[in-house]
C-alpha atoms as a PDB file:
ATOM      1  CA  MET A   1      18.084  79.457 127.854  1.00  0.00           C
ATOM      2  CA  ALA A   2      17.562  77.630 124.563  1.00  0.00           C
ATOM      3  CA  ILE A   3      14.082  76.459 123.583  1.00  0.00           C
ATOM      4  CA  THR A   4      13.934  72.691 123.164  1.00  0.00           C
ATOM      5  CA  SER A   5      12.431  71.073 120.088  1.00  0.00           C
ATOM      6  CA  THR A   6       9.361  69.951 122.061  1.00  0.00           C
ATOM      7  CA  GLU A   7       8.685  73.443 123.472  1.00  0.00           C
ATOM      8  CA  ALA A   8       8.643  75.235 120.099  1.00  0.00           C
ATOM      9  CA  PRO A   9       5.778  73.230 118.509  1.00  0.00           C
ATOM     10  CA  SER A  10       3.820  73.460 121.737  1.00  0.00           C
ATOM     11  CA  SER A  11       4.147  77.239 121.715  1.00  0.00           C
ATOM     12  CA  LYS A  12       3.009  77.439 118.088  1.00  0.00           C
ATOM     13  CA  TRP A  13      -0.037  75.302 118.815  1.00  0.00           C
ATOM     14  CA  GLN A  14      -0.924  77.552 121.741  1.00  0.00           C
ATOM     15  CA  VAL A  15      -0.760  80.639 119.525  1.00  0.00           C
ATOM     16  CA  LEU A  16      -2.913  78.925 116.892  1.00  0.00           C
ATOM     17  CA  ALA A  17      -5.424  77.835 119.522  1.00  0.00           C
ATOM     18  CA  VAL A  18      -5.695  81.342 120.958  1.00  0.00           C
ATOM     19  CA  THR A  19      -6.084  82.799 117.470  1.00  0.00           C
ATOM     20  CA  ALA A  20      -8.758  80.252 116.548  1.00  0.00           C
ATOM     21  CA  ARG A  21     -10.723  80.952 119.724  1.00  0.00           C
ATOM     22  CA  LEU A  22     -10.532  84.697 119.096  1.00  0.00           C
ATOM     23  CA  ALA A  23     -11.748  84.262 115.508  1.00  0.00           C
ATOM     24  CA  PHE A  24     -14.561  82.001 116.716  1.00  0.00           C
ATOM     25  CA  ARG A  25     -15.684  84.523 119.319  1.00  0.00           C
ATOM     26  CA  LEU A  26     -15.620  87.384 116.822  1.00  0.00           C
ATOM     27  CA  MET A  27     -17.706  85.301 114.419  1.00  0.00           C
ATOM     28  CA  VAL A  28     -20.218  84.550 117.175  1.00  0.00           C
ATOM     29  CA  ILE A  29     -20.450  88.233 118.134  1.00  0.00           C
ATOM     30  CA  ALA A  30     -21.025  89.199 114.474  1.00  0.00           C
ATOM     31  CA  PHE A  31     -23.687  86.497 114.161  1.00  0.00           C
ATOM     32  CA  ILE A  32     -25.444  87.631 117.345  1.00  0.00           C
ATOM     33  CA  GLY A  33     -25.497  91.213 116.027  1.00  0.00           C
ATOM     34  CA  TRP A  34     -26.907  90.154 112.656  1.00  0.00           C
ATOM     35  CA  PHE A  35     -29.467  87.856 114.274  1.00  0.00           C
ATOM     36  CA  ALA A  36     -30.621  90.569 116.688  1.00  0.00           C
ATOM     37  CA  LEU A  37     -31.307  92.952 113.797  1.00  0.00           C
ATOM     38  CA  ALA A  38     -32.964  90.231 111.703  1.00  0.00           C
ATOM     39  CA  ALA A  39     -35.239  89.284 114.606  1.00  0.00           C
ATOM     40  CA  HIS A  40     -35.994  92.941 115.306  1.00  0.00           C
ATOM     41  CA  TYR A  41     -37.284  93.452 111.760  1.00  0.00           C
ATOM     42  CA  GLN A  42     -38.814  90.033 111.079  1.00  0.00           C
ATOM     43  CA  ALA A  43     -39.902  88.322 114.309  1.00  0.00           C
ATOM     44  CA  PRO A  44     -43.544  88.736 115.441  1.00  0.00           C
ATOM     45  CA  SER A  45     -43.878  91.900 117.513  1.00  0.00           C
ATOM     46  CA  GLY A  46     -44.606  90.146 120.802  1.00  0.00           C
ATOM     47  CA  TRP A  47     -41.709  87.741 120.375  1.00  0.00           C
ATOM     48  CA  LYS A  48     -38.905  90.043 119.243  1.00  0.00           C
ATOM     49  CA  TRP A  49     -37.113  90.495 122.555  1.00  0.00           C
ATOM     50  CA  PRO A  50     -37.507  86.895 123.809  1.00  0.00           C
ATOM     51  CA  ILE A  51     -36.095  85.620 120.493  1.00  0.00           C
ATOM     52  CA  ILE A  52     -33.221  88.127 120.575  1.00  0.00           C
ATOM     53  CA  ALA A  53     -32.471  87.161 124.182  1.00  0.00           C
ATOM     54  CA  ALA A  54     -32.508  83.445 123.333  1.00  0.00           C
ATOM     55  CA  GLY A  55     -30.154  83.957 120.406  1.00  0.00           C
ATOM     56  CA  SER A  56     -27.804  86.056 122.535  1.00  0.00           C
ATOM     57  CA  LEU A  57     -27.805  83.400 125.267  1.00  0.00           C
ATOM     58  CA  VAL A  58     -26.866  80.668 122.813  1.00  0.00           C
ATOM     59  CA  GLY A  59     -24.070  82.866 121.494  1.00  0.00           C
ATOM     60  CA  MET A  60     -22.721  83.563 124.983  1.00  0.00           C
ATOM     61  CA  ILE A  61     -22.737  79.840 125.808  1.00  0.00           C
ATOM     62  CA  ALA A  62     -20.739  79.151 122.646  1.00  0.00           C
ATOM     63  CA  ILE A  63     -18.240  81.917 123.486  1.00  0.00           C
ATOM     64  CA  LEU A  64     -17.720  80.608 127.025  1.00  0.00           C
ATOM     65  CA  ALA A  65     -17.568  76.941 125.983  1.00  0.00           C
ATOM     66  CA  VAL A  66     -15.024  77.316 123.196  1.00  0.00           C
ATOM     67  CA  ARG A  67     -12.014  77.331 125.529  1.00  0.00           C
ATOM     68  CA  ARG A  68     -12.679  74.032 127.300  1.00  0.00           C
ATOM     69  CA  ARG A  69     -15.162  72.335 124.995  1.00  0.00           C
ATOM     70  CA  PRO A  70     -14.473  73.648 121.475  1.00  0.00           C
ATOM     71  CA  MET A  71     -16.318  70.821 119.739  1.00  0.00           C
ATOM     72  CA  LEU A  72     -19.496  71.474 121.716  1.00  0.00           C
ATOM     73  CA  ALA A  73     -19.227  75.209 120.999  1.00  0.00           C
ATOM     74  CA  SER A  74     -18.745  74.599 117.268  1.00  0.00           C
ATOM     75  CA  VAL A  75     -21.679  72.178 117.025  1.00  0.00           C
ATOM     76  CA  LEU A  76     -23.901  74.587 118.983  1.00  0.00           C
ATOM     77  CA  LEU A  77     -23.024  77.491 116.698  1.00  0.00           C
ATOM     78  CA  LEU A  78     -23.423  75.453 113.512  1.00  0.00           C
ATOM     79  CA  ALA A  79     -26.810  74.092 114.578  1.00  0.00           C
ATOM     80  CA  THR A  80     -28.013  77.585 115.469  1.00  0.00           C
ATOM     81  CA  MET A  81     -26.804  79.060 112.178  1.00  0.00           C
ATOM     82  CA  LEU A  82     -28.509  76.300 110.189  1.00  0.00           C
ATOM     83  CA  ALA A  83     -31.779  76.857 112.041  1.00  0.00           C
ATOM     84  CA  VAL A  84     -31.603  80.619 111.505  1.00  0.00           C
ATOM     85  CA  SER A  85     -30.709  80.121 107.825  1.00  0.00           C
ATOM     86  CA  PHE A  86     -33.767  77.898 107.343  1.00  0.00           C
ATOM     87  CA  TRP A  87     -35.974  80.518 109.030  1.00  0.00           C
ATOM     88  CA  TRP A  88     -34.461  83.348 106.951  1.00  0.00           C
ATOM     89  CA  LYS A  89     -35.032  81.546 103.662  1.00  0.00           C
ATOM     90  CA  SER A  90     -38.638  80.920 104.650  1.00  0.00           C
ATOM     91  CA  ILE A  91     -39.362  84.681 104.616  1.00  0.00           C
ATOM     92  CA  GLU A  92     -40.799  85.334 101.152  1.00  0.00           C
ATOM     93  CA  PRO A  93     -41.795  88.614  99.460  1.00  0.00           C
ATOM     94  CA  SER A  94     -45.458  89.246  98.738  1.00  0.00           C
ATOM     95  CA  ASN A  95     -47.675  91.404  96.554  1.00  0.00           C
ATOM     96  CA  ASP A  96     -50.584  90.982  98.946  1.00  0.00           C
ATOM     97  CA  ARG A  97     -50.272  93.275 101.977  1.00  0.00           C
ATOM     98  CA  ASP A  98     -52.027  96.366 103.337  1.00  0.00           C
ATOM     99  CA  TRP A  99     -49.957  98.817 101.299  1.00  0.00           C
ATOM    100  CA  ALA A 100     -49.526 102.540 101.851  1.00  0.00           C
ATOM    101  CA  ALA A 101     -51.665 104.540  99.418  1.00  0.00           C
ATOM    102  CA  ASP A 102     -48.772 105.876  97.296  1.00  0.00           C
ATOM    103  CA  VAL A 103     -47.409 102.385  96.563  1.00  0.00           C
ATOM    104  CA  ALA A 104     -50.707 100.520  96.420  1.00  0.00           C
ATOM    105  CA  HIS A 105     -50.156  99.645  92.751  1.00  0.00           C
ATOM    106  CA  GLY A 106     -47.043  98.846  90.759  1.00  0.00           C
ATOM    107  CA  ILE A 107     -46.856  99.521  87.059  1.00  0.00           C
ATOM    108  CA  THR A 108     -47.801  96.837  84.555  1.00  0.00           C
ATOM    109  CA  ALA A 109     -47.910  97.139  80.787  1.00  0.00           C
ATOM    110  CA  THR A 110     -49.198  95.594  77.604  1.00  0.00           C
ATOM    111  CA  VAL A 111     -47.242  96.045  74.388  1.00  0.00           C
ATOM    112  CA  SER A 112     -48.632  95.779  70.870  1.00  0.00           C
ATOM    113  CA  GLY A 113     -45.977  96.880  68.418  1.00  0.00           C
ATOM    114  CA  ASP A 114     -45.314 100.545  69.166  1.00  0.00           C
ATOM    115  CA  GLN A 115     -48.552 100.923  71.096  1.00  0.00           C
ATOM    116  CA  ILE A 116     -47.916 100.816  74.832  1.00  0.00           C
ATOM    117  CA  THR A 117     -50.648 100.666  77.471  1.00  0.00           C
ATOM    118  CA  LEU A 118     -49.507 101.404  81.018  1.00  0.00           C
ATOM    119  CA  HIS A 119     -51.753 100.316  83.846  1.00  0.00           C
ATOM    120  CA  ASN A 120     -51.667 102.058  87.248  1.00  0.00           C
ATOM    121  CA  VAL A 121     -49.912 105.279  86.289  1.00  0.00           C
ATOM    122  CA  ARG A 122     -49.938 107.412  89.433  1.00  0.00           C
ATOM    123  CA  ASN A 123     -51.293 110.951  89.163  1.00  0.00           C
ATOM    124  CA  PHE A 124     -51.825 112.068  92.764  1.00  0.00           C
ATOM    125  CA  GLN A 125     -52.609 115.669  93.615  1.00  0.00           C
ATOM    126  CA  TRP A 126     -50.437 116.387  96.665  1.00  0.00           C
ATOM    127  CA  ARG A 127     -51.208 119.142  99.162  1.00  0.00           C
ATOM    128  CA  THR A 128     -49.049 117.692 101.946  1.00  0.00           C
ATOM    129  CA  THR A 129     -47.417 114.286 102.390  1.00  0.00           C
ATOM    130  CA  GLU A 130     -50.530 113.214 104.294  1.00  0.00           C
ATOM    131  CA  ASP A 131     -53.198 115.137 102.351  1.00  0.00           C
ATOM    132  CA  PHE A 132     -53.635 114.103  98.726  1.00  0.00           C
ATOM    133  CA  ASP A 133     -56.112 112.933  96.115  1.00  0.00           C
ATOM    134  CA  PRO A 134     -55.163 109.399  95.017  1.00  0.00           C
ATOM    135  CA  VAL A 135     -55.574 108.856  91.277  1.00  0.00           C
ATOM    136  CA  TRP A 136     -54.427 105.777  89.365  1.00  0.00           C
ATOM    137  CA  GLN A 137     -55.019 105.809  85.629  1.00  0.00           C
ATOM    138  CA  THR A 138     -54.391 103.878  82.440  1.00  0.00           C
ATOM    139  CA  GLU A 139     -52.333 105.684  79.803  1.00  0.00           C
ATOM    140  CA  GLN A 140     -51.378 104.898  76.223  1.00  0.00           C
ATOM    141  CA  TYR A 141     -48.116 105.904  74.543  1.00  0.00           C
ATOM    142  CA  ASN A 142     -46.690 105.496  71.071  1.00  0.00           C
ATOM    143  CA  LEU A 143     -43.138 104.229  71.395  1.00  0.00           C
ATOM    144  CA  SER A 144     -42.174 105.729  68.030  1.00  0.00           C
ATOM    145  CA  ALA A 145     -42.908 109.167  69.563  1.00  0.00           C
ATOM    146  CA  LEU A 146     -40.399 108.746  72.390  1.00  0.00           C
ATOM    147  CA  GLN A 147     -38.129 111.809  72.211  1.00  0.00           C
ATOM    148  CA  SER A 148     -36.155 112.212  75.437  1.00  0.00           C
ATOM    149  CA  VAL A 149     -34.845 110.503  78.545  1.00  0.00           C
ATOM    150  CA  ASP A 150     -33.990 112.456  81.701  1.00  0.00           C
ATOM    151  CA  LEU A 151     -32.428 111.337  84.948  1.00  0.00           C
ATOM    152  CA  LEU A 152     -33.656 112.986  88.153  1.00  0.00           C
ATOM    153  CA  ASN A 153     -31.791 112.900  91.459  1.00  0.00           C
ATOM    154  CA  SER A 154     -33.580 113.897  94.649  1.00  0.00           C
ATOM    155  CA  VAL A 155     -31.552 114.655  97.796  1.00  0.00           C
ATOM    156  CA  TRP A 156     -33.285 115.120 101.153  1.00  0.00           C
ATOM    157  CA  SER A 157     -30.411 115.092 103.671  1.00  0.00           C
ATOM    158  CA  ASN A 158     -26.981 113.633 102.940  1.00  0.00           C
ATOM    159  CA  PRO A 159     -25.821 114.869  99.488  1.00  0.00           C
ATOM    160  CA  ALA A 160     -24.148 111.499  98.883  1.00  0.00           C
ATOM    161  CA  ILE A 161     -27.513 109.731  99.035  1.00  0.00           C
ATOM    162  CA  ALA A 162     -30.204 110.483  96.477  1.00  0.00           C
ATOM    163  CA  HIS A 163     -33.335 108.911  95.098  1.00  0.00           C
ATOM    164  CA  THR A 164     -33.024 108.221  91.374  1.00  0.00           C
ATOM    165  CA  LEU A 165     -35.887 108.501  88.883  1.00  0.00           C
ATOM    166  CA  VAL A 166     -35.963 108.261  85.085  1.00  0.00           C
ATOM    167  CA  SER A 167     -38.404 110.304  82.991  1.00  0.00           C
ATOM    168  CA  PHE A 168     -39.343 109.500  79.398  1.00  0.00           C
ATOM    169  CA  GLY A 169     -40.681 112.334  77.199  1.00  0.00           C
ATOM    170  CA  PHE A 170     -42.939 111.943  74.173  1.00  0.00           C
ATOM    171  CA  ALA A 171     -43.689 114.109  71.153  1.00  0.00           C
ATOM    172  CA  ASP A 172     -47.105 115.126  72.502  1.00  0.00           C
ATOM    173  CA  GLY A 173     -45.434 116.769  75.512  1.00  0.00           C
ATOM    174  CA  ARG A 174     -46.290 114.048  78.028  1.00  0.00           C
ATOM    175  CA  HIS A 175     -43.706 112.557  80.382  1.00  0.00           C
ATOM    176  CA  VAL A 176     -43.863 109.348  82.393  1.00  0.00           C
ATOM    177  CA  VAL A 177     -41.474 108.799  85.279  1.00  0.00           C
ATOM    178  CA  PHE A 178     -40.305 105.417  86.557  1.00  0.00           C
ATOM    179  CA  SER A 179     -39.159 105.050  90.141  1.00  0.00           C
ATOM    180  CA  ALA A 180     -38.066 101.881  91.964  1.00  0.00           C
ATOM    181  CA  GLU A 181     -39.204 102.333  95.571  1.00  0.00           C
ATOM    182  CA  ILE A 182     -39.750 100.529  98.828  1.00  0.00           C
ATOM    183  CA  ARG A 183     -43.268  99.197  99.060  1.00  0.00           C
ATOM    184  CA  LYS A 184     -44.289 100.376 102.511  1.00  0.00           C
ATOM    185  CA  GLU A 185     -47.184  98.841 104.343  1.00  0.00           C
ATOM    186  CA  ARG A 186     -49.704 101.238 105.813  1.00  0.00           C
ATOM    187  CA  GLY A 187     -48.074 103.009 108.767  1.00  0.00           C
ATOM    188  CA  GLU A 188     -44.522 101.891 107.929  1.00  0.00           C
ATOM    189  CA  ALA A 189     -41.610 104.309 107.522  1.00  0.00           C
ATOM    190  CA  PHE A 190     -38.425 103.935 105.485  1.00  0.00           C
ATOM    191  CA  SER A 191     -35.381 102.473 107.234  1.00  0.00           C
ATOM    192  CA  GLU A 192     -31.981 102.060 105.592  1.00  0.00           C
ATOM    193  CA  ILE A 193     -31.133  99.295 108.072  1.00  0.00           C
ATOM    194  CA  GLY A 194     -34.491  97.596 107.565  1.00  0.00           C
ATOM    195  CA  GLY A 195     -33.677  97.494 103.859  1.00  0.00           C
ATOM    196  CA  PHE A 196     -30.932  94.963 104.637  1.00  0.00           C
ATOM    197  CA  PHE A 197     -33.365  92.663 106.474  1.00  0.00           C
ATOM    198  CA  LYS A 198     -36.292  92.021 104.113  1.00  0.00           C
ATOM    199  CA  GLU A 199     -38.334  94.781 105.718  1.00  0.00           C
ATOM    200  CA  PHE A 200     -39.766  96.054 102.421  1.00  0.00           C
ATOM    201  CA  GLU A 201     -40.782  94.709  99.056  1.00  0.00           C
ATOM    202  CA  LEU A 202     -39.633  96.447  95.876  1.00  0.00           C
ATOM    203  CA  VAL A 203     -42.198  98.225  93.710  1.00  0.00           C
ATOM    204  CA  LEU A 204     -41.835  99.969  90.360  1.00  0.00           C
ATOM    205  CA  ILE A 205     -43.948 103.121  90.239  1.00  0.00           C
ATOM    206  CA  ALA A 206     -44.821 104.950  87.022  1.00  0.00           C
ATOM    207  CA  ALA A 207     -46.194 108.446  87.512  1.00  0.00           C
ATOM    208  CA  GLU A 208     -46.777 111.860  86.021  1.00  0.00           C
ATOM    209  CA  GLU A 209     -43.998 114.384  86.680  1.00  0.00           C
ATOM    210  CA  SER A 210     -46.555 116.680  88.302  1.00  0.00           C
ATOM    211  CA  ASP A 211     -47.060 113.922  90.877  1.00  0.00           C
ATOM    212  CA  ILE A 212     -43.831 112.113  91.656  1.00  0.00           C
ATOM    213  CA  VAL A 213     -41.362 114.944  90.946  1.00  0.00           C
ATOM    214  CA  ARG A 214     -43.520 117.778  92.270  1.00  0.00           C
ATOM    215  CA  LEU A 215     -43.986 115.793  95.501  1.00  0.00           C
ATOM    216  CA  ARG A 216     -40.240 116.079  95.987  1.00  0.00           C
ATOM    217  CA  THR A 217     -39.679 119.657  94.817  1.00  0.00           C
ATOM    218  CA  ASN A 218     -42.731 121.410  96.244  1.00  0.00           C
ATOM    219  CA  VAL A 219     -44.132 119.263  99.052  1.00  0.00           C
ATOM    220  CA  ARG A 220     -41.113 117.594 100.624  1.00  0.00           C
ATOM    221  CA  ARG A 221     -38.843 120.496  99.596  1.00  0.00           C
ATOM    222  CA  GLU A 222     -36.019 118.212  98.550  1.00  0.00           C
ATOM    223  CA  THR A 223     -33.144 119.264  96.301  1.00  0.00           C
ATOM    224  CA  VAL A 224     -34.050 117.785  92.931  1.00  0.00           C
ATOM    225  CA  SER A 225     -31.844 117.886  89.833  1.00  0.00           C
ATOM    226  CA  LEU A 226     -32.751 116.973  86.261  1.00  0.00           C
ATOM    227  CA  TYR A 227     -30.154 115.776  83.750  1.00  0.00           C
ATOM    228  CA  PRO A 228     -31.096 115.250  80.064  1.00  0.00           C
ATOM    229  CA  LEU A 229     -29.389 112.074  78.872  1.00  0.00           C
ATOM    230  CA  ARG A 230     -27.607 111.511  75.585  1.00  0.00           C
ATOM    231  CA  LEU A 231     -29.081 108.208  74.397  1.00  0.00           C
ATOM    232  CA  SER A 232     -29.697 106.949  70.890  1.00  0.00           C
ATOM    233  CA  PRO A 233     -33.355 106.338  69.949  1.00  0.00           C
ATOM    234  CA  GLN A 234     -32.677 102.595  69.967  1.00  0.00           C
ATOM    235  CA  VAL A 235     -31.214 102.657  73.478  1.00  0.00           C
ATOM    236  CA  ALA A 236     -33.960 104.973  74.786  1.00  0.00           C
ATOM    237  CA  ARG A 237     -36.584 102.616  73.391  1.00  0.00           C
ATOM    238  CA  ALA A 238     -34.863  99.552  74.860  1.00  0.00           C
ATOM    239  CA  LEU A 239     -34.543 101.228  78.269  1.00  0.00           C
ATOM    240  CA  PHE A 240     -38.241 102.118  78.268  1.00  0.00           C
ATOM    241  CA  LEU A 241     -39.210  98.560  77.393  1.00  0.00           C
ATOM    242  CA  SER A 242     -36.893  97.181  80.081  1.00  0.00           C
ATOM    243  CA  TYR A 243     -38.844  99.158  82.687  1.00  0.00           C
ATOM    244  CA  LEU A 244     -42.075  97.626  81.412  1.00  0.00           C
ATOM    245  CA  ASP A 245     -40.548  94.151  81.615  1.00  0.00           C
ATOM    246  CA  LYS A 246     -39.421  94.845  85.191  1.00  0.00           C
ATOM    247  CA  GLY A 247     -42.870  96.082  86.213  1.00  0.00           C
ATOM    248  CA  ASN A 248     -44.556  93.010  84.751  1.00  0.00           C
ATOM    249  CA  ALA A 249     -41.961  90.729  86.350  1.00  0.00           C
ATOM    250  CA  LEU A 250     -42.522  92.245  89.806  1.00  0.00           C
ATOM    251  CA  ALA A 251     -46.265  91.839  89.406  1.00  0.00           C
ATOM    252  CA  ALA A 252     -45.740  88.149  88.635  1.00  0.00           C
ATOM    253  CA  GLN A 253     -42.950  87.482  91.149  1.00  0.00           C
ATOM    254  CA  PRO A 254     -42.397  89.983  93.994  1.00  0.00           C
ATOM    255  CA  GLU A 255     -38.900  90.841  95.225  1.00  0.00           C
ATOM    256  CA  PHE A 256     -37.486  92.383  98.353  1.00  0.00           C
ATOM    257  CA  TYR A 257     -35.978  95.856  98.311  1.00  0.00           C
ATOM    258  CA  GLN A 258     -32.336  95.734  99.396  1.00  0.00           C
ATOM    259  CA  THR A 259     -30.533  98.901 100.516  1.00  0.00           C
ATOM    260  CA  ILE A 260     -27.375  98.180  98.492  1.00  0.00           C
ATOM    261  CA  THR A 261     -28.157  95.648  95.781  1.00  0.00           C
ATOM    262  CA  ALA A 262     -31.811  96.300  94.844  1.00  0.00           C
ATOM    263  CA  ASN A 263     -32.575  99.997  95.245  1.00  0.00           C
ATOM    264  CA  CYS A 264     -33.653 102.893  93.044  1.00  0.00           C
ATOM    265  CA  THR A 265     -30.201 103.351  91.482  1.00  0.00           C
ATOM    266  CA  THR A 266     -29.038  99.755  91.124  1.00  0.00           C
ATOM    267  CA  ILE A 267     -32.290  98.913  89.322  1.00  0.00           C
ATOM    268  CA  VAL A 268     -31.472 101.598  86.728  1.00  0.00           C
ATOM    269  CA  PHE A 269     -27.962 100.178  86.379  1.00  0.00           C
ATOM    270  CA  LYS A 270     -29.188  96.597  86.021  1.00  0.00           C
ATOM    271  CA  LEU A 271     -31.708  97.599  83.368  1.00  0.00           C
ATOM    272  CA  ALA A 272     -29.044  99.567  81.496  1.00  0.00           C
ATOM    273  CA  ARG A 273     -26.753  96.542  81.590  1.00  0.00           C
ATOM    274  CA  LEU A 274     -29.434  94.487  79.890  1.00  0.00           C
ATOM    275  CA  ILE A 275     -29.023  96.869  76.957  1.00  0.00           C
ATOM    276  CA  ASP A 276     -25.230  97.211  77.162  1.00  0.00           C
ATOM    277  CA  PRO A 277     -23.505  94.521  79.282  1.00  0.00           C
ATOM    278  CA  GLY A 278     -20.226  96.440  78.971  1.00  0.00           C
ATOM    279  CA  ILE A 279     -21.314  99.341  81.200  1.00  0.00           C
ATOM    280  CA  PRO A 280     -18.651  99.441  83.962  1.00  0.00           C
ATOM    281  CA  LEU A 281     -19.513  99.019  87.635  1.00  0.00           C
ATOM    282  CA  ASP A 282     -18.587 102.061  89.728  1.00  0.00           C
ATOM    283  CA  TRP A 283     -18.844 103.068  93.399  1.00  0.00           C
ATOM    284  CA  ARG A 284     -20.958 106.069  92.350  1.00  0.00           C
ATOM    285  CA  ILE A 285     -23.779 103.684  91.420  1.00  0.00           C
ATOM    286  CA  ILE A 286     -24.018 102.722  95.104  1.00  0.00           C
ATOM    287  CA  VAL A 287     -23.418 106.242  96.467  1.00  0.00           C
ATOM    288  CA  SER A 288     -26.243 107.535  94.323  1.00  0.00           C
ATOM    289  CA  GLY A 289     -25.735 111.235  95.008  1.00  0.00           C
ATOM    290  CA  TYR A 290     -22.685 111.014  92.753  1.00  0.00           C
ATOM    291  CA  LEU A 291     -24.429 109.175  89.928  1.00  0.00           C
ATOM    292  CA  PRO A 292     -24.504 112.350  87.760  1.00  0.00           C
ATOM    293  CA  ASP A 293     -20.689 112.488  88.010  1.00  0.00           C
ATOM    294  CA  TYR A 294     -20.531 108.914  86.709  1.00  0.00           C
ATOM    295  CA  LEU A 295     -22.870 109.718  83.814  1.00  0.00           C
ATOM    296  CA  TYR A 296     -20.947 112.894  83.012  1.00  0.00           C
ATOM    297  CA  ASP A 297     -17.629 111.003  82.907  1.00  0.00           C
ATOM    298  CA  HIS A 298     -19.169 108.524  80.454  1.00  0.00           C
ATOM    299  CA  HIS A 299     -20.572 111.353  78.263  1.00  0.00           C
ATOM    300  CA  LEU A 300     -24.181 110.371  78.902  1.00  0.00           C
ATOM    301  CA  ILE A 301     -25.391 113.775  80.111  1.00  0.00           C
ATOM    302  CA  ARG A 302     -26.596 115.968  77.255  1.00  0.00           C
ATOM    303  CA  ASN A 303     -24.795 119.111  78.330  1.00  0.00           C
ATOM    304  CA  GLY A 304     -21.305 120.181  77.302  1.00  0.00           C
ATOM    305  CA  LEU A 305     -20.624 122.517  80.235  1.00  0.00           C
ATOM    306  CA  PRO A 306     -18.133 121.768  83.034  1.00  0.00           C
ATOM    307  CA  LEU A 307     -19.550 119.401  85.672  1.00  0.00           C
ATOM    308  CA  ASP A 308     -19.995 122.113  88.317  1.00  0.00           C
ATOM    309  CA  GLU A 309     -22.057 124.171  85.873  1.00  0.00           C
ATOM    310  CA  VAL A 310     -24.033 121.115  84.816  1.00  0.00           C
ATOM    311  CA  ARG A 311     -24.903 120.414  88.460  1.00  0.00           C
ATOM    312  CA  LYS A 312     -25.891 124.036  89.062  1.00  0.00           C
ATOM    313  CA  GLN A 313     -28.080 124.232  85.975  1.00  0.00           C
ATOM    314  CA  ALA A 314     -29.725 120.881  86.740  1.00  0.00           C
ATOM    315  CA  LYS A 315     -31.316 122.041  90.017  1.00  0.00           C
ATOM    316  CA  ILE A 316     -35.040 122.451  89.466  1.00  0.00           C
ATOM    317  CA  SER A 317     -36.596 122.770  92.951  1.00  0.00           C
ATOM    318  CA  SER A 318     -36.507 126.572  93.171  1.00  0.00           C
ATOM    319  CA  ARG A 319     -38.057 126.953  89.698  1.00  0.00           C
ATOM    320  CA  ALA A 320     -40.783 124.465  90.563  1.00  0.00           C
ATOM    321  CA  GLN A 321     -41.582 126.197  93.855  1.00  0.00           C
ATOM    322  CA  ALA A 322     -41.747 129.650  92.248  1.00  0.00           C
ATOM    323  CA  ALA A 323     -44.108 128.641  89.446  1.00  0.00           C
ATOM    324  CA  PRO A 324     -47.904 129.021  89.749  1.00  0.00           C
ATOM    325  CA  THR A 325     -49.771 125.809  90.521  1.00  0.00           C
ATOM    326  CA  SER A 326     -51.669 126.119  87.249  1.00  0.00           C
ATOM    327  CA  SER A 327     -48.505 126.160  85.088  1.00  0.00           C
ATOM    328  CA  ASP A 328     -47.230 123.247  82.999  1.00  0.00           C
ATOM    329  CA  TYR A 329     -44.945 121.561  85.535  1.00  0.00           C
ATOM    330  CA  SER A 330     -42.823 119.685  82.984  1.00  0.00           C
ATOM    331  CA  LYS A 331     -42.124 122.881  81.021  1.00  0.00           C
ATOM    332  CA  VAL A 332     -41.316 124.858  84.179  1.00  0.00           C
ATOM    333  CA  ILE A 333     -38.660 122.439  85.441  1.00  0.00           C
ATOM    334  CA  ARG A 334     -36.947 122.411  82.026  1.00  0.00           C
ATOM    335  CA  SER A 335     -37.060 126.171  81.413  1.00  0.00           C
ATOM    336  CA  ALA A 336     -33.362 126.823  82.136  1.00  0.00           C
ATOM    337  CA  LEU A 337     -31.794 123.593  80.868  1.00  0.00           C
ATOM    338  CA  ASN A 338     -29.064 123.680  78.261  1.00  0.00           C
ATOM    339  CA  GLY A 339     -29.705 120.956  75.731  1.00  0.00           C
ATOM    340  CA  GLY A 340     -26.323 121.306  74.092  1.00  0.00           C
END
């Protein structure tokens, strides 16, 4: 039987209506999921579940109402989203909390020509992750004596995910390491999901290698790799100064850590882009365990061996663990590196 001209448009409208309701319901479900996680990480502890339940109830009402009363459902969802957006924007980062001991102080700096004074350089003596001597000190460096820049990658579980640190070496044999980290409050633990929901502030730590790198090689027993970088003196100097600017900026205006866009690796990339805006974006900047591959492809690793050999030679954890405690840690971890 042939479809009349009045039946065809009606059928099309029905399909569009069904599709629109499905899209609306999927959007509500996604919003409920996001809101539940946001409330879990940001609502006051005694109110988390009541708030999550209330948000879920509003979402269910909108889902059920959209078939017969689509306008009411749309207004309800829009009003809820606006209220949640206002609440979310009201959550501001802070530099004034009860911080965990290892992130109690972020780095700040004063610069006078080539004379650099770093305040709050961490130099903890770690026996275990819970047993340590906390030492924060002020150090002075001469920027004209900057000789090397090394990238360190520390893997603790998934080889695709690594913590990224950058170490600057000076002519007198000293090294200072910069590390962008979550600023945990006392008793908090790291959460990748929490990093999407303003759970942590961002802090820039500067530390001695015998503190921040040894913690990872000898105490946490992570797989740490060190890659000497091929940078001109001008670029190395600019990168060092960009870390100081970032530390001072965070001290003046705190920021939230964000698992994808503001983490240990993306901070390095953003600082490098300040020096060279033409540095290409790459998925390996996000999947930080593969950052050495990215640097190798762009000829930034100071080692002419094939990549597999570079990776093998870069591993420093076993050397660090085998060395006596009294040895020069920075020399030990570089003892087998090929500087070619």
